[in-house]
Amino acid sequence: MIYIKKLVLPSDHQEIQFIKDEKRTCFNTFYPFKIFPLKMLREIEFDRITIFYGGNGSGKSTLINVLSRKINATRYSEFNDSPFFDAFVEMCYIERTRLPRQSYVLASDDVFDYVLKARTVNENIDDQRNELIDKYTQVRRNAAFDPEIGRLNGIDDYERWSEVREILSPKRSQSSFIKKRVASDIALHSNGETAMLYFIDKIEDDAVYFLDEPENSLSIERQIELAEYIAATALCTKSQFIIATHSPIFLSMNRAKIYNLDSYPAGECKWTELPNVRKYFEFFMKHRNEFE
């Protein structure tokens, strides 16, 4: 399904006029203005899978952010905004069919944030668990010397008394006492496995997905697996994918439309013609005899 058919960027005249009309002089940059006129890029037509290729500063992530902002896609991590970003987005025009109920931005930063938050939660759980182990051990130890420890000394003492009775109960082991009070740890895998599971969990049918450098943290095996999953999802469901990447694995996806933002003028390109891919090809051809 192709929801977003075309993006029309602001014309050179619009950009020049906007900058000319801007009265504030405290800015060193008008980002994202001035990026795409230098590449002679004005219109982008989309397919089920459309890929933006380019090095750092080429504008591939900027296009992801412009498009996702234009259709109010859900995103889980912030991006480098600017005081002029919304004005730029307002000048852009999107030709589209109906939009699905939800659209999502899935970035490598989302995976890192998820892992960091999960580790923080697990660390807090570990601290709670250790405190309860100490409490359980201390109450058991003190009970051998202080028979009054299990005595209720008034209504204000009820919470302590109840917990002590539970600890001293022969039916309550240390493990069961702790499990009753502490949440389970969040299961974590390697960064690559976590990233893979994150993307697969988020990608369903009937949606527009913006993927910003999904190859980060993924081994080549995982990149192949995710690329195959994306290609199959685009073919068999009502999903559209717009991806910013310089990974040859994702660039080689069947029927993907690729825009080379490093070329002048920027435009469509076969994946085998991309400089980054050619470098890989030349490197392996140079070492071809070592593989045979």
Protein backbone atom coordinates (compact mmCIF):
# COMPACT_ATOMS: atom_id res chain seq x y z
CA MET A 1 0.00 0.00 0.00
CA ILE A 2 1.35 3.44 -0.91
CA TYR A 3 -0.04 6.03 1.49
CA ILE A 4 2.50 8.78 0.85
CA LYS A 5 2.87 9.21 -2.92
CA LYS A 6 4.97 12.35 -3.26
CA LEU A 7 6.81 14.94 -1.19
CA VAL A 8 7.31 18.42 -2.66
CA LEU A 9 9.97 20.45 -0.86
CA PRO A 10 10.00 24.27 -0.68
CA SER A 11 11.23 25.98 -3.83
CA ASP A 12 14.48 27.94 -3.93
CA HIS A 13 12.43 31.14 -4.02
CA GLN A 14 10.41 30.15 -0.94
CA GLU A 15 13.55 29.36 1.02
CA ILE A 16 15.33 32.56 -0.01
CA GLN A 17 12.27 34.66 0.80
CA PHE A 18 11.83 33.01 4.22
CA ILE A 19 15.46 33.64 5.18
CA LYS A 20 15.26 37.20 3.87
CA ASP A 21 12.12 37.86 5.93
CA GLU A 22 13.62 36.39 9.09
CA LYS A 23 14.48 39.41 11.23
CA ARG A 24 16.32 37.62 14.03
CA THR A 25 20.07 37.67 13.56
CA CYS A 26 21.11 35.46 16.50
CA PHE A 27 21.11 32.21 14.52
CA ASN A 28 24.11 30.64 12.82
CA THR A 29 21.97 28.17 10.88
CA PHE A 30 18.51 28.06 9.34
CA TYR A 31 18.25 24.25 9.46
CA PRO A 32 16.54 22.53 7.68
CA PHE A 33 16.54 25.34 5.13
CA LYS A 34 19.48 25.50 2.68
CA ILE A 35 20.03 21.70 2.64
CA PHE A 36 18.07 20.49 -0.36
CA PRO A 37 18.50 23.37 -2.86
CA LEU A 38 22.22 22.53 -2.84
CA LYS A 39 21.28 19.04 -3.99
CA MET A 40 18.77 20.30 -6.59
CA LEU A 41 16.18 18.11 -4.89
CA ARG A 42 12.59 19.33 -5.08
CA GLU A 43 10.31 16.31 -5.44
CA ILE A 44 10.44 12.74 -4.13
CA GLU A 45 8.08 10.01 -5.31
CA PHE A 46 7.51 7.04 -3.04
CA ASP A 47 6.99 3.32 -3.41
CA ARG A 48 6.09 0.66 -0.86
CA ILE A 49 9.73 0.74 0.24
CA THR A 50 11.62 4.00 -0.28
CA ILE A 51 15.17 4.47 0.94
CA PHE A 52 17.19 7.63 1.51
CA TYR A 53 20.91 6.98 1.16
CA GLY A 54 23.69 9.37 2.10
CA GLY A 55 26.47 10.18 4.50
CA ASN A 56 26.31 12.29 7.64
CA GLY A 57 24.69 15.64 6.93
CA SER A 58 23.18 14.49 3.64
CA GLY A 59 19.63 15.13 4.83
CA LYS A 60 18.34 11.56 4.94
CA SER A 61 17.28 11.73 8.60
CA THR A 62 15.95 15.25 8.03
CA LEU A 63 13.57 13.91 5.37
CA ILE A 64 12.40 11.21 7.78
CA ASN A 65 11.73 13.87 10.41
CA VAL A 66 9.98 16.23 7.97
CA LEU A 67 7.67 13.52 6.64
CA SER A 68 6.85 12.09 10.06
CA ARG A 69 6.11 15.57 11.44
CA LYS A 70 3.96 16.36 8.41
CA ILE A 71 1.65 13.39 9.05
CA ASN A 72 1.96 13.49 12.88
CA ALA A 73 3.56 10.06 13.17
CA THR A 74 4.14 8.63 16.62
CA ARG A 75 7.77 8.75 17.70
CA TYR A 76 9.45 7.46 20.86
CA SER A 77 12.64 9.53 20.99
CA GLU A 78 13.40 13.16 20.28
CA PHE A 79 15.35 14.42 17.28
CA ASN A 80 17.46 17.52 16.61
CA ASP A 81 14.80 20.14 16.04
CA SER A 82 15.31 23.83 15.26
CA PRO A 83 13.33 27.08 15.57
CA PHE A 84 12.69 26.92 11.83
CA PHE A 85 11.70 23.27 11.52
CA ASP A 86 7.93 23.72 11.73
CA ALA A 87 8.04 26.57 9.20
CA PHE A 88 9.91 24.32 6.79
CA VAL A 89 7.44 21.47 7.31
CA GLU A 90 4.54 23.86 6.69
CA MET A 91 6.02 24.78 3.29
CA CYS A 92 6.28 21.13 2.25
CA TYR A 93 3.45 19.46 0.36
CA ILE A 94 2.56 15.78 0.56
CA GLU A 95 0.48 14.03 -2.09
CA ARG A 96 -1.13 11.07 -0.44
CA THR A 97 -3.97 8.59 -0.43
CA ARG A 98 -5.73 7.95 2.85
CA LEU A 99 -3.42 7.64 5.83
CA PRO A 100 -3.61 4.68 8.22
CA ARG A 101 -4.80 5.17 11.77
CA GLN A 102 -1.23 5.17 13.08
CA SER A 103 2.23 5.86 11.68
CA TYR A 104 5.50 5.37 13.53
CA VAL A 105 9.09 6.55 13.59
CA LEU A 106 11.41 3.72 14.66
CA ALA A 107 14.97 4.85 15.25
CA SER A 108 18.09 3.20 16.58
CA ASP A 109 17.93 5.68 19.47
CA ASP A 110 14.64 4.08 20.51
CA VAL A 111 16.41 0.75 21.02
CA PHE A 112 19.20 2.35 23.06
CA ASP A 113 16.63 4.19 25.19
CA TYR A 114 14.68 0.97 25.75
CA VAL A 115 17.81 -0.92 26.83
CA LEU A 116 18.92 1.88 29.17
CA LYS A 117 15.47 2.18 30.77
CA ALA A 118 15.22 -1.59 31.18
CA ARG A 119 18.65 -1.71 32.81
CA THR A 120 17.67 1.12 35.17
CA VAL A 121 14.48 -0.70 36.12
CA ASN A 122 16.42 -3.92 36.69
CA GLU A 123 19.00 -2.09 38.83
CA ASN A 124 16.20 -0.66 41.00
CA ILE A 125 14.67 -4.12 41.30
CA ASP A 126 18.06 -5.50 42.35
CA ASP A 127 18.33 -2.81 45.05
CA GLN A 128 14.85 -3.62 46.38
CA ARG A 129 15.61 -7.34 46.30
CA ASN A 130 18.84 -6.87 48.27
CA GLU A 131 17.08 -4.72 50.88
CA LEU A 132 14.41 -7.40 51.37
CA ILE A 133 17.03 -10.15 51.65
CA ASP A 134 18.75 -8.14 54.38
CA LYS A 135 15.43 -7.54 56.16
CA TYR A 136 14.41 -11.21 55.96
CA THR A 137 17.78 -12.37 57.28
CA GLN A 138 17.83 -9.78 60.08
CA VAL A 139 14.33 -10.60 61.32
CA ARG A 140 15.09 -14.34 61.33
CA ARG A 141 18.36 -13.75 63.18
CA ASN A 142 16.80 -11.40 65.78
CA ALA A 143 13.90 -13.76 66.41
CA ALA A 144 16.30 -16.30 67.94
CA PHE A 145 17.28 -13.79 70.67
CA ASP A 146 14.16 -11.62 71.01
CA PRO A 147 10.90 -13.54 71.50
CA GLU A 148 9.03 -10.20 71.65
CA ILE A 149 9.83 -9.39 68.02
CA GLY A 150 6.57 -11.00 66.89
CA ARG A 151 4.44 -9.06 69.39
CA LEU A 152 1.93 -6.43 68.22
CA ASN A 153 2.46 -3.15 70.11
CA GLY A 154 -0.57 -1.20 68.95
CA ILE A 155 -2.28 -0.16 65.75
CA ASP A 156 0.69 1.91 64.58
CA ASP A 157 2.84 -1.21 64.78
CA TYR A 158 0.56 -3.31 62.61
CA GLU A 159 2.52 -3.05 59.35
CA ARG A 160 5.82 -4.08 60.97
CA TRP A 161 4.14 -6.84 62.95
CA SER A 162 2.39 -8.27 59.87
CA GLU A 163 5.65 -8.36 57.90
CA VAL A 164 7.54 -10.01 60.79
CA ARG A 165 4.87 -12.70 61.17
CA GLU A 166 5.09 -13.42 57.45
CA ILE A 167 8.88 -13.73 57.59
CA LEU A 168 8.71 -16.04 60.59
CA SER A 169 6.00 -18.20 59.07
CA PRO A 170 7.32 -21.69 58.20
CA LYS A 171 5.24 -21.50 55.02
CA ARG A 172 6.99 -18.38 53.74
CA SER A 173 10.42 -18.94 52.22
CA GLN A 174 12.82 -16.10 51.49
CA SER A 175 12.14 -16.44 47.75
CA SER A 176 8.35 -16.32 48.08
CA PHE A 177 8.61 -13.36 50.51
CA ILE A 178 10.68 -11.39 47.99
CA LYS A 179 8.71 -12.40 44.87
CA LYS A 180 5.53 -11.15 46.54
CA ARG A 181 7.04 -7.68 46.88
CA VAL A 182 9.34 -7.20 43.89
CA ALA A 183 8.47 -7.10 40.19
CA SER A 184 10.18 -9.47 37.81
CA ASP A 185 13.25 -8.27 35.93
CA ILE A 186 12.76 -7.12 32.35
CA ALA A 187 14.26 -9.75 30.08
CA LEU A 188 17.26 -8.38 28.18
CA HIS A 189 19.24 -9.83 25.32
CA SER A 190 22.26 -8.58 23.45
CA ASN A 191 21.86 -5.14 21.86
CA GLY A 192 21.44 -6.75 18.45
CA GLU A 193 18.81 -9.24 19.61
CA THR A 194 17.00 -6.50 21.54
CA ALA A 195 16.99 -4.24 18.47
CA MET A 196 15.67 -7.02 16.26
CA LEU A 197 12.90 -7.92 18.71
CA TYR A 198 12.04 -4.23 19.13
CA PHE A 199 11.55 -3.64 15.39
CA ILE A 200 9.58 -6.84 14.82
CA ASP A 201 7.35 -6.08 17.80
CA LYS A 202 6.57 -2.58 16.50
CA ILE A 203 6.03 -3.44 12.83
CA GLU A 204 2.52 -4.61 12.01
CA ASP A 205 0.26 -4.10 9.01
CA ASP A 206 -1.69 -1.05 7.82
CA ALA A 207 0.81 1.64 8.83
CA VAL A 208 3.53 3.95 7.55
CA TYR A 209 6.88 3.18 9.17
CA PHE A 210 9.81 5.58 9.16
CA LEU A 211 13.02 3.74 10.02
CA ASP A 212 16.07 5.87 10.79
CA GLU A 213 19.31 3.87 10.41
CA PRO A 214 17.88 0.56 11.67
CA GLU A 215 21.23 -1.15 11.02
CA ASN A 216 22.77 0.33 14.18
CA SER A 217 23.44 -2.45 16.75
CA LEU A 218 22.48 -5.15 14.23
CA SER A 219 24.94 -7.78 13.04
CA ILE A 220 24.87 -8.60 9.34
CA GLU A 221 22.77 -11.69 10.09
CA ARG A 222 20.23 -9.58 11.95
CA GLN A 223 20.23 -6.95 9.20
CA ILE A 224 19.43 -9.62 6.63
CA GLU A 225 16.68 -11.00 8.85
CA LEU A 226 15.12 -7.58 9.41
CA ALA A 227 15.42 -6.60 5.73
CA GLU A 228 13.63 -9.81 4.72
CA TYR A 229 10.94 -9.16 7.32
CA ILE A 230 10.39 -5.59 6.06
CA ALA A 231 10.25 -6.73 2.43
CA ALA A 232 7.72 -9.45 3.26
CA THR A 233 5.62 -7.09 5.37
CA ALA A 234 5.53 -4.47 2.60
CA LEU A 235 4.51 -7.11 0.07
CA CYS A 236 1.89 -8.96 2.11
CA THR A 237 0.32 -6.23 4.25
CA LYS A 238 -0.94 -2.67 3.93
CA SER A 239 2.30 -1.11 5.13
CA GLN A 240 4.67 1.44 3.61
CA PHE A 241 8.29 1.84 4.66
CA ILE A 242 10.45 4.95 4.35
CA ILE A 243 14.00 4.23 5.49
CA ALA A 244 17.16 6.25 6.02
CA THR A 245 20.22 3.99 5.78
CA HIS A 246 23.64 3.41 4.27
CA SER A 247 23.61 -0.34 4.91
CA PRO A 248 24.07 -2.42 1.71
CA ILE A 249 21.78 -5.05 3.22
CA PHE A 250 18.77 -2.73 3.40
CA LEU A 251 19.69 -0.99 0.15
CA SER A 252 19.54 -4.34 -1.67
CA MET A 253 15.91 -5.02 -0.75
CA ASN A 254 13.91 -6.11 -3.78
CA ARG A 255 11.79 -3.36 -5.41
CA ALA A 256 13.06 -0.65 -3.07
CA LYS A 257 13.18 2.84 -4.57
CA ILE A 258 16.46 4.50 -3.60
CA TYR A 259 17.33 8.21 -3.51
CA ASN A 260 21.04 9.01 -3.42
CA LEU A 261 21.36 12.23 -1.42
CA ASP A 262 25.14 12.30 -1.91
CA SER A 263 24.87 12.76 -5.68
CA TYR A 264 24.46 16.05 -7.52
CA PRO A 265 21.74 16.42 -8.40
CA ALA A 266 20.23 14.09 -5.80
CA GLY A 267 17.91 11.53 -7.33
CA GLU A 268 16.97 7.91 -7.88
CA CYS A 269 19.76 5.40 -8.12
CA LYS A 270 20.31 1.63 -8.33
CA TRP A 271 21.77 0.23 -5.14
CA THR A 272 24.70 -1.29 -7.03
CA GLU A 273 25.71 2.20 -8.23
CA LEU A 274 25.99 3.72 -4.77
CA PRO A 275 29.55 4.70 -3.75
CA ASN A 276 29.33 2.97 -0.38
CA VAL A 277 28.18 -0.28 -1.97
CA ARG A 278 30.85 -0.03 -4.70
CA LYS A 279 33.51 0.26 -1.99
CA TYR A 280 32.32 -2.99 -0.44
CA PHE A 281 32.28 -4.65 -3.86
CA GLU A 282 35.79 -3.48 -4.70
CA PHE A 283 37.11 -4.59 -1.32
CA PHE A 284 35.75 -8.12 -1.66
CA MET A 285 36.82 -8.39 -5.28
CA LYS A 286 40.32 -7.44 -4.20
CA HIS A 287 40.28 -10.35 -1.72
CA ARG A 288 38.35 -12.70 -3.98
CA ASN A 289 41.10 -15.31 -4.13
CA GLU A 290 41.07 -15.66 -0.37
CA PHE A 291 37.44 -16.80 -0.51
CA GLU A 292 37.95 -19.37 -3.25
